Amino acid sequence: MGTQGRVRIRAHFTISDWLLIGSLLQSVVILLLPIRPIHAFLPTFGLALLKVTRLVLKVNGLIENPLMEDVKQGRTSAVFPSPEIGEKGMVRPVGESVGGEGMCILLLSNRCNHPLGLFYSKYREMGQYAKGMYTELEQNPIENGFLGYSDYSSNDSVTQPRSLSIMYFKSIEHVHTWAHSSPAHRAAWEWWDAEQKVRGVDHLTIAHEIYGVEKGKWESIYVNAKPYDFAATSHAITDAGGKKLWACPAMDASRSFRTSAQRLGDVRG
């Protein structure tokens, strides 16, 4: 199970639910295992001691802090990489927009409103269709104009939050073409329509928002951050020898492009 799956499971239970689960497991150990009650508590106290020890070591820099992995210190911005690498590297021509191109941002969201949450069969079925669509996009990114995505969960409910995917495409046309020609999306669409006719998905929320952003009308800045959102997308470029490469859009912004106006402007000579 990946990080996304573990986070989703955690979000579908309250703190009291997790405490109750832990208490039940502890009770089972005490009642069923032929050991003294005092010994049954050793794993709990041992795990607590281990976590506190690791925390102290991380705070004092004695062991690595995994939260700092891939964090880029300082200021970075994200721009469309130049499609070709010349003799001087990936240099954008003078007069061209700093950001490079326009884009389309697709927001996809869903929520399960059924008391069973993750265990509701229709929600799990919908998740399988969604997985198929994401896999299809990642397998054919150039054809679909797909650049990448980041996932988030809402924080306005105690459990069963809305799941949100911020997805980046090269254009609205790419989104519409994919939506109407994709076998995976078509299968999901037909499944939803069939279930909706028999009120099989009344407990499921789905939604999308599409935003077309023109060239020169967007910019970004990240400070001490691991690449995410647009900075975590991937772009196909061609090197001087004609070889296809994949480039990250994140770039150093500690000296150039420090202001929003500069990042929204054009490349100067």
Protein backbone atom coordinates (compact mmCIF):
# COMPACT_ATOMS: atom_id res chain seq x y z
CA MET A 1 0.00 0.00 0.00
CA GLY A 2 1.35 3.42 -0.97
CA THR A 3 1.42 6.65 0.99
CA GLN A 4 -1.83 7.83 -0.58
CA GLY A 5 -3.66 4.70 0.57
CA ARG A 6 -2.35 4.96 4.14
CA VAL A 7 -3.31 8.63 4.37
CA ARG A 8 -6.80 7.88 3.08
CA ILE A 9 -7.32 5.10 5.63
CA ARG A 10 -6.15 7.35 8.46
CA ALA A 11 -8.49 10.15 7.37
CA HIS A 12 -11.57 7.92 7.43
CA PHE A 13 -11.38 7.32 11.19
CA THR A 14 -11.54 9.75 14.13
CA ILE A 15 -8.93 9.91 16.89
CA SER A 16 -11.41 8.17 19.22
CA ASP A 17 -11.80 5.39 16.62
CA TRP A 18 -8.04 4.78 16.59
CA LEU A 19 -7.86 4.84 20.40
CA LEU A 20 -10.70 2.33 20.56
CA ILE A 21 -8.98 0.05 18.04
CA GLY A 22 -5.77 0.21 20.07
CA SER A 23 -7.63 -0.52 23.30
CA LEU A 24 -9.39 -3.51 21.77
CA LEU A 25 -6.11 -4.95 20.49
CA GLN A 26 -4.51 -4.47 23.91
CA SER A 27 -7.48 -6.17 25.57
CA VAL A 28 -7.22 -9.13 23.18
CA VAL A 29 -3.53 -9.52 24.03
CA ILE A 30 -4.26 -9.49 27.79
CA LEU A 31 -7.21 -11.89 27.56
CA LEU A 32 -5.88 -14.44 25.09
CA LEU A 33 -2.12 -14.66 25.59
CA PRO A 34 -0.76 -16.66 28.56
CA ILE A 35 1.38 -13.84 29.91
CA ARG A 36 1.24 -11.57 32.93
CA PRO A 37 -0.75 -8.32 32.34
CA ILE A 38 2.35 -6.23 33.07
CA HIS A 39 4.16 -7.94 30.19
CA ALA A 40 1.26 -7.23 27.83
CA PHE A 41 1.97 -3.50 28.17
CA LEU A 42 5.64 -3.79 27.25
CA PRO A 43 5.09 -3.45 23.45
CA THR A 44 3.04 -0.27 23.97
CA PHE A 45 5.60 1.40 26.24
CA GLY A 46 8.47 0.13 24.09
CA LEU A 47 6.98 1.66 20.92
CA ALA A 48 6.28 4.94 22.72
CA LEU A 49 9.88 5.07 23.98
CA LEU A 50 11.19 4.35 20.47
CA LYS A 51 9.13 7.15 18.91
CA VAL A 52 10.15 9.70 21.56
CA THR A 53 13.81 8.70 21.18
CA ARG A 54 13.69 9.07 17.39
CA LEU A 55 11.99 12.46 17.74
CA VAL A 56 14.71 13.74 20.09
CA LEU A 57 17.44 12.48 17.74
CA LYS A 58 15.79 14.19 14.74
CA VAL A 59 15.35 17.49 16.58
CA ASN A 60 19.04 17.47 17.52
CA GLY A 61 20.17 16.49 14.03
CA LEU A 62 21.64 13.16 15.11
CA ILE A 63 19.59 11.17 12.59
CA GLU A 64 18.11 12.19 9.26
CA ASN A 65 14.76 13.98 9.18
CA PRO A 66 12.80 12.32 6.33
CA LEU A 67 10.55 15.39 6.03
CA MET A 68 13.52 17.31 4.62
CA GLU A 69 14.13 14.80 1.83
CA ASP A 70 14.19 16.52 -1.60
CA VAL A 71 13.50 19.94 -0.03
CA LYS A 72 15.12 22.69 -2.10
CA GLN A 73 16.48 25.37 0.24
CA GLY A 74 15.81 28.97 -0.72
CA ARG A 75 13.48 30.33 -3.37
CA THR A 76 12.47 28.36 -6.46
CA SER A 77 9.97 29.04 -9.20
CA ALA A 78 8.46 26.74 -11.83
CA VAL A 79 8.32 27.54 -15.54
CA PHE A 80 7.80 25.56 -18.73
CA PRO A 81 11.25 24.30 -19.77
CA SER A 82 12.39 25.40 -23.21
CA PRO A 83 11.36 22.58 -25.61
CA GLU A 84 14.90 22.33 -26.99
CA ILE A 85 18.35 22.48 -25.40
CA GLY A 86 20.78 24.49 -27.49
CA GLU A 87 24.53 25.02 -27.17
CA LYS A 88 23.94 27.48 -24.31
CA GLY A 89 21.64 25.13 -22.47
CA MET A 90 17.95 25.55 -21.78
CA VAL A 91 17.73 29.28 -22.51
CA ARG A 92 14.42 30.94 -23.36
CA PRO A 93 14.59 33.55 -26.16
CA VAL A 94 14.55 37.26 -25.28
CA GLY A 95 11.04 38.69 -25.41
CA GLU A 96 9.32 35.40 -24.66
CA SER A 97 7.16 35.00 -21.54
CA VAL A 98 9.19 33.90 -18.50
CA GLY A 99 6.64 31.17 -17.74
CA GLY A 100 6.85 29.95 -21.30
CA GLU A 101 3.35 28.74 -22.11
CA GLY A 102 -0.26 28.74 -21.02
CA MET A 103 -1.82 25.70 -19.40
CA CYS A 104 -5.02 24.08 -18.25
CA ILE A 105 -5.63 23.24 -14.60
CA LEU A 106 -8.20 20.53 -13.91
CA LEU A 107 -9.50 20.08 -10.36
CA LEU A 108 -11.02 16.65 -9.76
CA SER A 109 -12.68 15.95 -6.42
CA ASN A 110 -14.73 13.22 -4.79
CA ARG A 111 -16.15 12.25 -1.41
CA CYS A 112 -17.92 9.26 0.08
CA ASN A 113 -20.95 10.25 2.18
CA HIS A 114 -21.88 6.69 3.12
CA PRO A 115 -21.48 5.60 6.79
CA LEU A 116 -19.21 2.74 5.67
CA GLY A 117 -16.75 5.17 4.11
CA LEU A 118 -13.81 3.29 2.59
CA PHE A 119 -15.68 0.02 2.98
CA TYR A 120 -18.62 1.14 0.82
CA SER A 121 -18.49 -1.07 -2.28
CA LYS A 122 -19.50 1.65 -4.77
CA TYR A 123 -16.79 3.98 -3.46
CA ARG A 124 -14.16 1.29 -3.85
CA GLU A 125 -15.46 0.52 -7.34
CA MET A 126 -15.25 4.19 -8.28
CA GLY A 127 -11.69 4.24 -6.99
CA GLN A 128 -10.73 1.44 -9.35
CA TYR A 129 -12.09 3.38 -12.33
CA ALA A 130 -10.18 6.47 -11.19
CA LYS A 131 -6.98 4.45 -10.87
CA GLY A 132 -7.42 3.27 -14.44
CA MET A 133 -7.78 6.83 -15.72
CA TYR A 134 -4.69 8.08 -13.89
CA THR A 135 -2.66 5.11 -15.13
CA GLU A 136 -3.76 5.79 -18.70
CA LEU A 137 -2.72 9.45 -18.46
CA GLU A 138 0.68 8.58 -17.03
CA GLN A 139 1.32 5.96 -19.71
CA ASN A 140 0.62 8.41 -22.58
CA PRO A 141 1.51 11.87 -21.21
CA ILE A 142 2.69 13.45 -24.48
CA GLU A 143 -0.33 12.32 -26.49
CA ASN A 144 -2.72 13.50 -23.75
CA GLY A 145 -0.88 16.75 -23.03
CA PHE A 146 -0.68 15.60 -19.42
CA LEU A 147 2.00 17.17 -17.22
CA GLY A 148 1.29 15.75 -13.76
CA TYR A 149 -0.83 16.13 -10.64
CA SER A 150 -0.83 16.52 -6.85
CA ASP A 151 -3.37 15.11 -4.38
CA TYR A 152 -4.94 16.78 -1.34
CA SER A 153 -7.65 16.17 1.28
CA SER A 154 -10.07 18.75 2.68
CA ASN A 155 -9.97 19.71 6.38
CA ASP A 156 -13.54 20.90 6.92
CA SER A 157 -14.82 17.52 8.17
CA VAL A 158 -13.56 15.27 10.97
CA THR A 159 -13.61 12.13 8.82
CA GLN A 160 -14.18 11.14 5.19
CA PRO A 161 -12.70 14.30 3.65
CA ARG A 162 -13.05 15.32 0.04
CA SER A 163 -10.16 14.09 -2.07
CA LEU A 164 -8.82 16.63 -4.57
CA SER A 165 -6.45 16.14 -7.49
CA ILE A 166 -4.88 19.24 -9.03
CA MET A 167 -4.06 18.12 -12.57
CA TYR A 168 -2.00 20.01 -15.14
CA PHE A 169 -2.51 19.76 -18.90
CA LYS A 170 -1.04 21.73 -21.78
CA SER A 171 -4.46 23.03 -22.87
CA ILE A 172 -8.23 22.73 -22.42
CA GLU A 173 -8.33 21.03 -25.82
CA HIS A 174 -6.11 18.25 -24.49
CA VAL A 175 -8.49 17.72 -21.55
CA HIS A 176 -11.58 17.54 -23.77
CA THR A 177 -9.88 15.26 -26.30
CA TRP A 178 -8.77 12.87 -23.57
CA ALA A 179 -12.18 12.91 -21.85
CA HIS A 180 -14.02 11.93 -25.03
CA SER A 181 -11.48 9.48 -26.50
CA SER A 182 -10.08 7.78 -23.40
CA PRO A 183 -11.23 4.14 -22.99
CA ALA A 184 -10.69 4.38 -19.22
CA HIS A 185 -12.69 7.60 -18.87
CA ARG A 186 -15.43 6.27 -21.15
CA ALA A 187 -15.75 3.12 -19.02
CA ALA A 188 -15.98 5.20 -15.83
CA TRP A 189 -18.50 7.53 -17.45
CA GLU A 190 -20.76 4.66 -18.55
CA TRP A 191 -20.49 2.99 -15.13
CA TRP A 192 -21.53 6.21 -13.37
CA ASP A 193 -24.48 6.81 -15.72
CA ALA A 194 -25.73 3.25 -15.25
CA GLU A 195 -25.44 3.44 -11.45
CA GLN A 196 -27.06 6.87 -11.34
CA LYS A 197 -30.17 5.55 -13.11
CA VAL A 198 -30.75 3.06 -10.28
CA ARG A 199 -29.62 5.51 -7.55
CA GLY A 200 -26.56 3.41 -6.87
CA VAL A 201 -24.23 6.38 -6.39
CA ASP A 202 -26.41 8.72 -4.30
CA HIS A 203 -23.83 8.59 -1.50
CA LEU A 204 -20.93 9.59 -3.75
CA THR A 205 -19.83 13.13 -4.59
CA ILE A 206 -17.84 13.85 -7.75
CA ALA A 207 -16.94 17.21 -9.27
CA HIS A 208 -14.54 18.91 -11.64
CA GLU A 209 -13.45 22.47 -12.37
CA ILE A 210 -11.43 23.49 -15.44
CA TYR A 211 -9.34 26.65 -15.71
CA GLY A 212 -7.57 27.75 -18.88
CA VAL A 213 -4.60 29.99 -18.06
CA GLU A 214 -3.06 32.17 -20.76
CA LYS A 215 0.65 32.61 -21.36
CA GLY A 216 2.04 35.37 -19.13
CA LYS A 217 -0.95 35.19 -16.74
CA TRP A 218 0.50 32.84 -14.14
CA GLU A 219 3.58 32.55 -11.93
CA SER A 220 4.79 30.59 -8.91
CA ILE A 221 7.20 30.80 -6.01
CA TYR A 222 8.22 28.12 -3.49
CA VAL A 223 10.43 28.69 -0.44
CA ASN A 224 12.28 25.81 1.26
CA ALA A 225 9.97 23.34 -0.46
CA LYS A 226 10.02 19.88 -1.94
CA PRO A 227 8.68 20.17 -5.52
CA TYR A 228 4.90 19.82 -5.61
CA ASP A 229 1.97 21.07 -7.69
CA PHE A 230 3.27 22.55 -10.96
CA ALA A 231 6.88 22.27 -9.75
CA ALA A 232 6.45 18.47 -9.64
CA THR A 233 5.23 18.11 -13.23
CA SER A 234 7.29 16.55 -16.05
CA HIS A 235 7.97 18.04 -19.48
CA ALA A 236 9.25 16.40 -22.67
CA ILE A 237 12.19 18.27 -24.23
CA THR A 238 14.77 17.55 -26.94
CA ASP A 239 18.53 17.89 -26.44
CA ALA A 240 21.03 19.12 -29.04
CA GLY A 241 21.40 15.59 -30.39
CA GLY A 242 17.67 15.13 -30.91
CA LYS A 243 17.24 12.85 -27.90
CA LYS A 244 13.97 13.07 -25.94
CA LEU A 245 14.38 13.94 -22.25
CA TRP A 246 12.07 14.66 -19.33
CA ALA A 247 12.65 17.92 -17.45
CA CYS A 248 11.48 19.29 -14.11
CA PRO A 249 10.12 22.87 -14.30
CA ALA A 250 11.62 23.98 -10.95
CA MET A 251 14.35 26.63 -11.24
CA ASP A 252 16.41 28.73 -8.83
CA ALA A 253 14.74 32.07 -8.09
CA SER A 254 17.13 33.38 -5.44
CA ARG A 255 18.62 35.98 -7.81
CA SER A 256 16.49 36.28 -10.93
CA PHE A 257 12.70 36.50 -10.96
CA ARG A 258 12.44 37.42 -7.28
CA THR A 259 9.24 39.46 -7.72
CA SER A 260 5.84 38.48 -9.03
CA ALA A 261 6.08 41.17 -11.72
CA GLN A 262 9.33 39.70 -13.02
CA ARG A 263 7.89 36.18 -13.14
CA LEU A 264 4.83 37.45 -15.01
CA GLY A 265 6.97 39.41 -17.47
CA ASP A 266 9.10 38.60 -20.50
CA VAL A 267 12.72 37.47 -20.75
CA ARG A 268 15.01 40.49 -21.06
CA GLY A 269 18.24 40.70 -23.01
